[in-house]
C-alpha atoms as a PDB file:
ATOM      1  CA  UNK A   1      65.559  15.360  37.924  1.00  0.00           C
ATOM      2  CA  UNK A   2      62.811  17.829  38.797  1.00  0.00           C
ATOM      3  CA  UNK A   3      61.558  17.713  35.204  1.00  0.00           C
ATOM      4  CA  UNK A   4      61.376  13.925  35.296  1.00  0.00           C
ATOM      5  CA  UNK A   5      59.453  14.064  38.569  1.00  0.00           C
ATOM      6  CA  UNK A   6      56.873  16.425  37.068  1.00  0.00           C
ATOM      7  CA  UNK A   7      56.434  14.119  34.081  1.00  0.00           C
ATOM      8  CA  UNK A   8      55.863  11.153  36.393  1.00  0.00           C
ATOM      9  CA  UNK A   9      53.311  13.085  38.477  1.00  0.00           C
ATOM     10  CA  UNK A  10      51.497  14.285  35.373  1.00  0.00           C
ATOM     11  CA  UNK A  11      51.305  10.766  34.018  1.00  0.00           C
ATOM     12  CA  UNK A  12      50.026   9.442  37.338  1.00  0.00           C
ATOM     13  CA  UNK A  13      47.282  12.085  37.471  1.00  0.00           C
ATOM     14  CA  UNK A  14      46.242  11.328  33.901  1.00  0.00           C
ATOM     15  CA  UNK A  15      46.114   7.630  34.726  1.00  0.00           C
ATOM     16  CA  UNK A  16      44.058   8.279  37.842  1.00  0.00           C
ATOM     17  CA  UNK A  17      41.551  10.441  35.959  1.00  0.00           C
ATOM     18  CA  UNK A  18      41.296   7.863  33.200  1.00  0.00           C
ATOM     19  CA  UNK A  19      40.538   5.136  35.711  1.00  0.00           C
ATOM     20  CA  UNK A  20      37.613   6.954  37.297  1.00  0.00           C
ATOM     21  CA  UNK A  21      34.286   5.184  36.895  1.00  0.00           C
ATOM     22  CA  UNK A  22      32.087   6.858  34.272  1.00  0.00           C
ATOM     23  CA  UNK A  23      29.135   8.806  35.617  1.00  0.00           C
ATOM     24  CA  UNK A  24      25.975   6.734  35.506  1.00  0.00           C
ATOM     25  CA  UNK A  25      23.280   8.491  33.483  1.00  0.00           C
ATOM     26  CA  UNK A  26      19.815   7.152  34.189  1.00  0.00           C
ATOM     27  CA  UNK A  27      17.671   6.651  31.089  1.00  0.00           C
ATOM     28  CA  UNK A  28      14.677   8.900  30.555  1.00  0.00           C
ATOM     29  CA  UNK A  29      11.354   7.657  31.951  1.00  0.00           C
ATOM     30  CA  UNK A  30       9.274   5.719  29.481  1.00  0.00           C
ATOM     31  CA  UNK A  31       6.062   7.038  27.962  1.00  0.00           C
ATOM     32  CA  UNK A  32       3.201   5.200  26.298  1.00  0.00           C
ATOM     33  CA  UNK A  33       4.470   6.049  22.806  1.00  0.00           C
ATOM     34  CA  UNK A  34       7.844   4.461  23.643  1.00  0.00           C
ATOM     35  CA  UNK A  35       8.390   0.765  23.010  1.00  0.00           C
ATOM     36  CA  UNK A  36       8.161  -1.026  26.360  1.00  0.00           C
ATOM     37  CA  UNK A  37      10.021  -4.291  26.963  1.00  0.00           C
ATOM     38  CA  UNK A  38       9.229  -7.400  28.943  1.00  0.00           C
ATOM     39  CA  UNK A  39      12.267  -6.700  31.117  1.00  0.00           C
ATOM     40  CA  UNK A  40      10.790  -3.321  32.068  1.00  0.00           C
ATOM     41  CA  UNK A  41       7.448  -4.893  32.891  1.00  0.00           C
ATOM     42  CA  UNK A  42       9.204  -7.510  35.034  1.00  0.00           C
ATOM     43  CA  UNK A  43      11.164  -4.808  36.844  1.00  0.00           C
ATOM     44  CA  UNK A  44       8.004  -2.790  37.491  1.00  0.00           C
ATOM     45  CA  UNK A  45       6.216  -5.861  38.847  1.00  0.00           C
ATOM     46  CA  UNK A  46       9.226  -6.676  41.023  1.00  0.00           C
ATOM     47  CA  UNK A  47       9.031  -3.245  42.641  1.00  0.00           C
ATOM     48  CA  UNK A  48       5.347  -3.752  43.430  1.00  0.00           C
ATOM     49  CA  UNK A  49       6.055  -7.220  44.823  1.00  0.00           C
ATOM     50  CA  UNK A  50       8.464  -5.592  47.273  1.00  0.00           C
ATOM     51  CA  UNK A  51       5.759  -3.326  48.690  1.00  0.00           C
ATOM     52  CA  UNK A  52       3.425  -4.176  51.602  1.00  0.00           C
ATOM     53  CA  UNK A  53       0.674  -6.496  50.423  1.00  0.00           C
ATOM     54  CA  UNK A  54       2.291  -6.483  46.962  1.00  0.00           C
ATOM     55  CA  UNK A  55       0.178  -3.441  46.146  1.00  0.00           C
ATOM     56  CA  UNK A  56       0.933  -0.072  44.609  1.00  0.00           C
ATOM     57  CA  UNK A  57       1.377   2.891  46.952  1.00  0.00           C
ATOM     58  CA  UNK A  58      -2.003   4.292  47.938  1.00  0.00           C
ATOM     59  CA  UNK A  59      -3.755   6.504  47.341  1.00  0.00           C
ATOM     60  CA  UNK A  60      -2.599   7.299  43.808  1.00  0.00           C
ATOM     61  CA  UNK A  61      -4.173  10.170  41.866  1.00  0.00           C
ATOM     62  CA  UNK A  62      -6.492   9.263  39.017  1.00  0.00           C
ATOM     63  CA  UNK A  63      -4.831   9.388  35.601  1.00  0.00           C
ATOM     64  CA  UNK A  64      -7.937   9.584  33.419  1.00  0.00           C
ATOM     65  CA  UNK A  65     -10.041  12.388  34.824  1.00  0.00           C
ATOM     66  CA  UNK A  66     -13.835  12.380  34.435  1.00  0.00           C
ATOM     67  CA  UNK A  67     -15.872  15.090  32.755  1.00  0.00           C
ATOM     68  CA  UNK A  68     -15.820  18.459  34.529  1.00  0.00           C
ATOM     69  CA  UNK A  69     -18.397  18.888  37.270  1.00  0.00           C
ATOM     70  CA  UNK A  70     -19.404  22.490  36.667  1.00  0.00           C
ATOM     71  CA  UNK A  71     -22.097  23.596  39.074  1.00  0.00           C
ATOM     72  CA  UNK A  72     -24.958  25.825  38.013  1.00  0.00           C
ATOM     73  CA  UNK A  73     -23.731  28.526  40.378  1.00  0.00           C
ATOM     74  CA  UNK A  74     -20.401  29.034  38.580  1.00  0.00           C
ATOM     75  CA  UNK A  75     -19.959  32.701  37.676  1.00  0.00           C
ATOM     76  CA  UNK A  76     -16.863  32.372  35.484  1.00  0.00           C
ATOM     77  CA  UNK A  77     -17.468  32.624  31.728  1.00  0.00           C
ATOM     78  CA  UNK A  78     -17.609  29.257  29.966  1.00  0.00           C
ATOM     79  CA  UNK A  79     -14.354  30.042  28.159  1.00  0.00           C
ATOM     80  CA  UNK A  80     -12.577  30.503  31.505  1.00  0.00           C
ATOM     81  CA  UNK A  81     -13.999  27.274  32.862  1.00  0.00           C
ATOM     82  CA  UNK A  82     -12.592  25.494  29.816  1.00  0.00           C
ATOM     83  CA  UNK A  83      -9.117  27.002  30.342  1.00  0.00           C
ATOM     84  CA  UNK A  84      -9.242  26.053  34.018  1.00  0.00           C
ATOM     85  CA  UNK A  85     -10.051  22.443  33.172  1.00  0.00           C
ATOM     86  CA  UNK A  86      -7.407  22.250  30.441  1.00  0.00           C
ATOM     87  CA  UNK A  87      -4.768  23.361  32.941  1.00  0.00           C
ATOM     88  CA  UNK A  88      -5.797  20.600  35.341  1.00  0.00           C
ATOM     89  CA  UNK A  89      -5.637  18.015  32.554  1.00  0.00           C
ATOM     90  CA  UNK A  90      -2.177  19.176  31.446  1.00  0.00           C
ATOM     91  CA  UNK A  91      -0.883  18.878  35.008  1.00  0.00           C
ATOM     92  CA  UNK A  92      -2.191  15.345  35.285  1.00  0.00           C
ATOM     93  CA  UNK A  93      -0.192  14.332  32.198  1.00  0.00           C
ATOM     94  CA  UNK A  94       3.070  15.502  33.803  1.00  0.00           C
ATOM     95  CA  UNK A  95       5.349  12.853  35.276  1.00  0.00           C
ATOM     96  CA  UNK A  96       6.761  15.473  37.661  1.00  0.00           C
ATOM     97  CA  UNK A  97       3.289  16.373  38.956  1.00  0.00           C
ATOM     98  CA  UNK A  98       2.332  12.733  39.382  1.00  0.00           C
ATOM     99  CA  UNK A  99       5.627  11.884  41.062  1.00  0.00           C
ATOM    100  CA  UNK A 100       5.050  14.622  43.656  1.00  0.00           C
ATOM    101  CA  UNK A 101       1.714  12.994  44.559  1.00  0.00           C
ATOM    102  CA  UNK A 102       2.942   9.405  44.967  1.00  0.00           C
ATOM    103  CA  UNK A 103       2.955   8.412  48.666  1.00  0.00           C
ATOM    104  CA  UNK A 104       6.531   7.853  49.820  1.00  0.00           C
ATOM    105  CA  UNK A 105       7.657   5.022  52.085  1.00  0.00           C
ATOM    106  CA  UNK A 106      10.858   3.251  53.051  1.00  0.00           C
ATOM    107  CA  UNK A 107       9.467   0.105  51.433  1.00  0.00           C
ATOM    108  CA  UNK A 108       9.118   1.858  48.090  1.00  0.00           C
ATOM    109  CA  UNK A 109      12.600   3.364  48.300  1.00  0.00           C
ATOM    110  CA  UNK A 110      14.103  -0.024  49.148  1.00  0.00           C
ATOM    111  CA  UNK A 111      12.239  -1.772  46.313  1.00  0.00           C
ATOM    112  CA  UNK A 112      13.404   0.885  43.845  1.00  0.00           C
ATOM    113  CA  UNK A 113      17.028   0.541  44.976  1.00  0.00           C
ATOM    114  CA  UNK A 114      16.838  -3.217  44.560  1.00  0.00           C
ATOM    115  CA  UNK A 115      15.686  -2.805  40.950  1.00  0.00           C
ATOM    116  CA  UNK A 116      18.098   0.107  40.361  1.00  0.00           C
ATOM    117  CA  UNK A 117      15.154   2.252  39.334  1.00  0.00           C
ATOM    118  CA  UNK A 118      14.480   5.902  40.076  1.00  0.00           C
ATOM    119  CA  UNK A 119      11.122   7.209  41.247  1.00  0.00           C
ATOM    120  CA  UNK A 120      10.774   9.059  37.952  1.00  0.00           C
ATOM    121  CA  UNK A 121      11.313   5.846  35.987  1.00  0.00           C
ATOM    122  CA  UNK A 122       8.810   3.982  38.166  1.00  0.00           C
ATOM    123  CA  UNK A 123       6.124   6.629  37.664  1.00  0.00           C
ATOM    124  CA  UNK A 124       6.889   6.730  33.942  1.00  0.00           C
ATOM    125  CA  UNK A 125       6.383   2.976  33.672  1.00  0.00           C
ATOM    126  CA  UNK A 126       3.195   3.155  35.730  1.00  0.00           C
ATOM    127  CA  UNK A 127       1.691   5.773  33.429  1.00  0.00           C
ATOM    128  CA  UNK A 128       2.940   4.134  30.228  1.00  0.00           C
ATOM    129  CA  UNK A 129       1.614   0.712  31.217  1.00  0.00           C
ATOM    130  CA  UNK A 130      -1.674   2.172  32.447  1.00  0.00           C
ATOM    131  CA  UNK A 131      -2.352   4.125  29.245  1.00  0.00           C
ATOM    132  CA  UNK A 132      -1.320   1.121  27.139  1.00  0.00           C
ATOM    133  CA  UNK A 133      -3.754  -1.068  29.085  1.00  0.00           C
ATOM    134  CA  UNK A 134      -6.525   1.459  28.505  1.00  0.00           C
ATOM    135  CA  UNK A 135      -5.750   1.533  24.799  1.00  0.00           C
ATOM    136  CA  UNK A 136      -5.948  -2.252  24.692  1.00  0.00           C
ATOM    137  CA  UNK A 137      -9.524  -2.057  26.040  1.00  0.00           C
ATOM    138  CA  UNK A 138     -10.660   0.416  23.397  1.00  0.00           C
ATOM    139  CA  UNK A 139     -12.885  -1.152  20.699  1.00  0.00           C
ATOM    140  CA  UNK A 140     -10.994  -1.632  17.443  1.00  0.00           C
ATOM    141  CA  UNK A 141     -13.604   0.287  15.464  1.00  0.00           C
ATOM    142  CA  UNK A 142     -13.258   3.461  17.536  1.00  0.00           C
ATOM    143  CA  UNK A 143     -11.486   6.016  15.306  1.00  0.00           C
ATOM    144  CA  UNK A 144      -9.413   8.161  17.675  1.00  0.00           C
ATOM    145  CA  UNK A 145      -8.456  10.636  14.959  1.00  0.00           C
ATOM    146  CA  UNK A 146     -12.134  11.297  14.319  1.00  0.00           C
ATOM    147  CA  UNK A 147     -12.813  11.558  18.049  1.00  0.00           C
ATOM    148  CA  UNK A 148     -10.057  14.148  18.409  1.00  0.00           C
ATOM    149  CA  UNK A 149     -11.337  16.142  15.452  1.00  0.00           C
ATOM    150  CA  UNK A 150     -14.905  16.266  16.767  1.00  0.00           C
ATOM    151  CA  UNK A 151     -13.756  16.975  20.296  1.00  0.00           C
ATOM    152  CA  UNK A 152     -11.510  19.868  19.346  1.00  0.00           C
ATOM    153  CA  UNK A 153     -14.339  21.474  17.380  1.00  0.00           C
ATOM    154  CA  UNK A 154     -16.654  21.151  20.371  1.00  0.00           C
ATOM    155  CA  UNK A 155     -14.062  22.657  22.718  1.00  0.00           C
ATOM    156  CA  UNK A 156     -13.415  25.512  20.295  1.00  0.00           C
ATOM    157  CA  UNK A 157     -17.149  26.275  20.370  1.00  0.00           C
ATOM    158  CA  UNK A 158     -17.123  26.334  24.183  1.00  0.00           C
ATOM    159  CA  UNK A 159     -14.182  28.737  24.174  1.00  0.00           C
ATOM    160  CA  UNK A 160     -16.224  31.197  22.136  1.00  0.00           C
ATOM    161  CA  UNK A 161     -18.586  31.602  25.084  1.00  0.00           C
ATOM    162  CA  UNK A 162     -16.491  34.429  26.546  1.00  0.00           C
ATOM    163  CA  UNK A 163     -19.330  36.266  28.285  1.00  0.00           C
ATOM    164  CA  UNK A 164     -21.832  33.518  28.975  1.00  0.00           C
ATOM    165  CA  UNK A 165     -21.999  32.033  32.477  1.00  0.00           C
ATOM    166  CA  UNK A 166     -23.790  28.950  33.750  1.00  0.00           C
ATOM    167  CA  UNK A 167     -25.508  30.856  36.524  1.00  0.00           C
ATOM    168  CA  UNK A 168     -27.245  33.123  34.007  1.00  0.00           C
ATOM    169  CA  UNK A 169     -28.238  30.413  31.528  1.00  0.00           C
ATOM    170  CA  UNK A 170     -31.640  28.818  31.110  1.00  0.00           C
ATOM    171  CA  UNK A 171     -31.742  25.290  32.490  1.00  0.00           C
ATOM    172  CA  UNK A 172     -31.764  23.557  29.110  1.00  0.00           C
ATOM    173  CA  UNK A 173     -28.841  25.580  27.774  1.00  0.00           C
ATOM    174  CA  UNK A 174     -26.817  24.992  30.938  1.00  0.00           C
ATOM    175  CA  UNK A 175     -27.466  21.254  30.657  1.00  0.00           C
ATOM    176  CA  UNK A 176     -26.223  21.290  27.062  1.00  0.00           C
ATOM    177  CA  UNK A 177     -23.018  23.133  28.040  1.00  0.00           C
ATOM    178  CA  UNK A 178     -22.377  20.719  30.905  1.00  0.00           C
ATOM    179  CA  UNK A 179     -22.862  17.781  28.551  1.00  0.00           C
ATOM    180  CA  UNK A 180     -20.521  19.286  25.946  1.00  0.00           C
ATOM    181  CA  UNK A 181     -17.860  19.844  28.605  1.00  0.00           C
ATOM    182  CA  UNK A 182     -17.366  16.080  28.540  1.00  0.00           C
ATOM    183  CA  UNK A 183     -15.389  16.599  25.337  1.00  0.00           C
ATOM    184  CA  UNK A 184     -12.550  18.010  27.455  1.00  0.00           C
ATOM    185  CA  UNK A 185     -12.068  14.650  29.148  1.00  0.00           C
ATOM    186  CA  UNK A 186     -12.611  12.776  25.875  1.00  0.00           C
ATOM    187  CA  UNK A 187      -9.934  14.785  24.027  1.00  0.00           C
ATOM    188  CA  UNK A 188      -7.542  14.370  26.956  1.00  0.00           C
ATOM    189  CA  UNK A 189      -7.989  10.601  26.912  1.00  0.00           C
ATOM    190  CA  UNK A 190      -7.902  10.258  23.132  1.00  0.00           C
ATOM    191  CA  UNK A 191      -4.732  12.362  22.880  1.00  0.00           C
ATOM    192  CA  UNK A 192      -3.025  10.028  25.337  1.00  0.00           C
ATOM    193  CA  UNK A 193      -4.368   6.817  23.822  1.00  0.00           C
ATOM    194  CA  UNK A 194      -3.700   7.650  20.184  1.00  0.00           C
ATOM    195  CA  UNK A 195       0.133   7.582  20.235  1.00  0.00           C
ATOM    196  CA  UNK A 196       0.456   4.322  22.207  1.00  0.00           C
ATOM    197  CA  UNK A 197       3.103   2.118  20.581  1.00  0.00           C
ATOM    198  CA  UNK A 198       1.330  -0.795  18.821  1.00  0.00           C
ATOM    199  CA  UNK A 199       3.646  -3.414  20.328  1.00  0.00           C
ATOM    200  CA  UNK A 200       2.783  -2.196  23.814  1.00  0.00           C
ATOM    201  CA  UNK A 201      -0.747  -3.506  23.294  1.00  0.00           C
ATOM    202  CA  UNK A 202       0.524  -7.039  22.801  1.00  0.00           C
ATOM    203  CA  UNK A 203       2.832  -6.637  25.791  1.00  0.00           C
ATOM    204  CA  UNK A 204       0.117  -5.603  28.255  1.00  0.00           C
ATOM    205  CA  UNK A 205      -2.160  -8.352  26.963  1.00  0.00           C
ATOM    206  CA  UNK A 206       0.576 -10.922  27.567  1.00  0.00           C
ATOM    207  CA  UNK A 207       0.933  -9.647  31.150  1.00  0.00           C
ATOM    208  CA  UNK A 208      -2.766  -8.955  31.695  1.00  0.00           C
ATOM    209  CA  UNK A 209      -3.214 -11.420  34.556  1.00  0.00           C
ATOM    210  CA  UNK A 210      -0.573  -9.761  36.743  1.00  0.00           C
ATOM    211  CA  UNK A 211      -1.228  -6.178  35.642  1.00  0.00           C
ATOM    212  CA  UNK A 212      -4.990  -6.417  36.181  1.00  0.00           C
ATOM    213  CA  UNK A 213      -4.307  -7.572  39.735  1.00  0.00           C
ATOM    214  CA  UNK A 214      -2.238  -4.559  40.761  1.00  0.00           C
ATOM    215  CA  UNK A 215      -3.287  -1.703  38.479  1.00  0.00           C
ATOM    216  CA  UNK A 216      -6.304   0.544  39.242  1.00  0.00           C
ATOM    217  CA  UNK A 217      -9.633  -0.276  37.624  1.00  0.00           C
ATOM    218  CA  UNK A 218      -9.510   2.861  35.490  1.00  0.00           C
ATOM    219  CA  UNK A 219      -7.007   1.010  33.276  1.00  0.00           C
ATOM    220  CA  UNK A 220      -8.992  -2.223  32.991  1.00  0.00           C
ATOM    221  CA  UNK A 221     -12.026  -0.985  31.042  1.00  0.00           C
ATOM    222  CA  UNK A 222     -12.986   0.867  27.879  1.00  0.00           C
ATOM    223  CA  UNK A 223     -11.732   4.419  28.602  1.00  0.00           C
ATOM    224  CA  UNK A 224     -14.398   6.085  26.431  1.00  0.00           C
ATOM    225  CA  UNK A 225     -17.417   4.026  27.475  1.00  0.00           C
ATOM    226  CA  UNK A 226     -18.763   6.623  29.914  1.00  0.00           C
ATOM    227  CA  UNK A 227     -18.860   9.209  27.119  1.00  0.00           C
ATOM    228  CA  UNK A 228     -21.031   7.202  24.728  1.00  0.00           C
ATOM    229  CA  UNK A 229     -23.779   9.841  24.916  1.00  0.00           C
ATOM    230  CA  UNK A 230     -21.734  12.527  23.182  1.00  0.00           C
ATOM    231  CA  UNK A 231     -19.528  10.204  21.120  1.00  0.00           C
ATOM    232  CA  UNK A 232     -22.444   8.454  19.452  1.00  0.00           C
ATOM    233  CA  UNK A 233     -24.820  11.417  19.248  1.00  0.00           C
ATOM    234  CA  UNK A 234     -24.948  12.065  15.518  1.00  0.00           C
ATOM    235  CA  UNK A 235     -28.643  12.755  15.149  1.00  0.00           C
ATOM    236  CA  UNK A 236     -30.231  16.008  14.027  1.00  0.00           C
ATOM    237  CA  UNK A 237     -32.876  17.497  16.358  1.00  0.00           C
ATOM    238  CA  UNK A 238     -36.367  16.877  14.973  1.00  0.00           C
ATOM    239  CA  UNK A 239     -38.207  19.936  13.744  1.00  0.00           C
ATOM    240  CA  UNK A 240     -41.591  19.915  12.061  1.00  0.00           C
ATOM    241  CA  UNK A 241     -42.133  21.958   8.888  1.00  0.00           C
ATOM    242  CA  UNK A 242     -43.688  25.409   9.342  1.00  0.00           C
ATOM    243  CA  UNK A 243     -47.438  25.185   9.699  1.00  0.00           C
ATOM    244  CA  UNK A 244     -47.323  21.487  10.636  1.00  0.00           C
ATOM    245  CA  UNK A 245     -46.510  21.848  14.347  1.00  0.00           C
ATOM    246  CA  UNK A 246     -49.970  20.785  15.549  1.00  0.00           C
ATOM    247  CA  UNK A 247     -51.104  17.173  15.888  1.00  0.00           C
ATOM    248  CA  UNK A 248     -54.496  18.305  14.571  1.00  0.00           C
ATOM    249  CA  UNK A 249     -52.954  18.506  11.102  1.00  0.00           C
ATOM    250  CA  UNK A 250     -51.911  14.861  11.039  1.00  0.00           C
ATOM    251  CA  UNK A 251     -53.956  12.989   8.406  1.00  0.00           C
ATOM    252  CA  UNK A 252     -55.111   9.582   9.682  1.00  0.00           C
ATOM    253  CA  UNK A 253     -56.400   6.811   7.474  1.00  0.00           C
ATOM    254  CA  UNK A 254     -57.832   3.619   8.935  1.00  0.00           C
ATOM    255  CA  UNK A 255     -56.794   1.670   5.864  1.00  0.00           C
ATOM    256  CA  UNK A 256     -53.129   2.581   6.502  1.00  0.00           C
ATOM    257  CA  UNK A 257     -53.172   2.357  10.303  1.00  0.00           C
ATOM    258  CA  UNK A 258     -50.734   0.060  12.090  1.00  0.00           C
ATOM    259  CA  UNK A 259     -52.299  -2.042  14.807  1.00  0.00           C
ATOM    260  CA  UNK A 260     -50.885  -4.587  17.208  1.00  0.00           C
ATOM    261  CA  UNK A 261     -50.925  -8.265  16.488  1.00  0.00           C
ATOM    262  CA  UNK A 262     -53.445  -8.902  19.247  1.00  0.00           C
ATOM    263  CA  UNK A 263     -52.922 -11.615  21.807  1.00  0.00           C
ATOM    264  CA  UNK A 264     -50.166 -13.375  19.915  1.00  0.00           C
ATOM    265  CA  UNK A 265     -47.544 -11.574  22.045  1.00  0.00           C
ATOM    266  CA  UNK A 266     -44.998 -11.580  19.242  1.00  0.00           C
ATOM    267  CA  UNK A 267     -44.815  -7.762  19.203  1.00  0.00           C
ATOM    268  CA  UNK A 268     -45.364  -7.572  15.423  1.00  0.00           C
ATOM    269  CA  UNK A 269     -47.568  -5.005  13.720  1.00  0.00           C
ATOM    270  CA  UNK A 270     -49.723  -5.259  10.601  1.00  0.00           C
ATOM    271  CA  UNK A 271     -51.673  -2.935   8.357  1.00  0.00           C
ATOM    272  CA  UNK A 272     -55.460  -3.246   8.433  1.00  0.00           C
ATOM    273  CA  UNK A 273     -57.137  -3.983   5.145  1.00  0.00           C
ATOM    274  CA  UNK A 274     -60.701  -2.735   5.128  1.00  0.00           C
ATOM    275  CA  UNK A 275     -61.257  -4.120   1.648  1.00  0.00           C
ATOM    276  CA  UNK A 276     -61.398  -7.731   2.894  1.00  0.00           C
END
């Protein structure tokens, strides 16, 4: 009898364990290189609609950081300034870092519960949609692989300046270093834009009207436009041949001179012909 009782108890326990609800495992937060779905966009928008004024929590940290603002009085070597900036850029790419800087409110928590979404998933969608929107605003002829290659070479050159400091540099050299530091921001942006899933571009374009209303302006414009100076600077500095540095050596011939078109106002030039 006792043996039968133990068998019954064992069977009951096994049945009870088998009937327990499975543990819910939340999916990983999405990134820009993951394929986003319309359902995820709808869920993200629904969370925002549940917030005061139907606006994102504010203030939110910037995602795409500008070029470093290194002052002329910085005494760290250039290589250390580069490492310092790279650390800041890596932090800004972290979902955990960003999540810790999102303003919390009971409205946000309630909206997330309603959509059965975690804060990590919400931040992941925010970043993935934002980067995808930025990628959609990039001109089609901008070769990101080439941008990354040029940028990494420029950064490698800056890292070689292990003893040089801005405070000790001549003005022109310091200006050049400050301009080249823009490559840090360019490489950061290009490395985030390059792996965006192609179908995400179509998705954010389809939802552009709603996304442009709620997302920050940093996602609604060409993300590399402000760096056109260094991106499109392919010229070689002009240098006159030895012995030809003086204007006094320039040979001038009236028969080959270019003169304005006079009062016609059309801005054209013509060569004079003294033989007429």
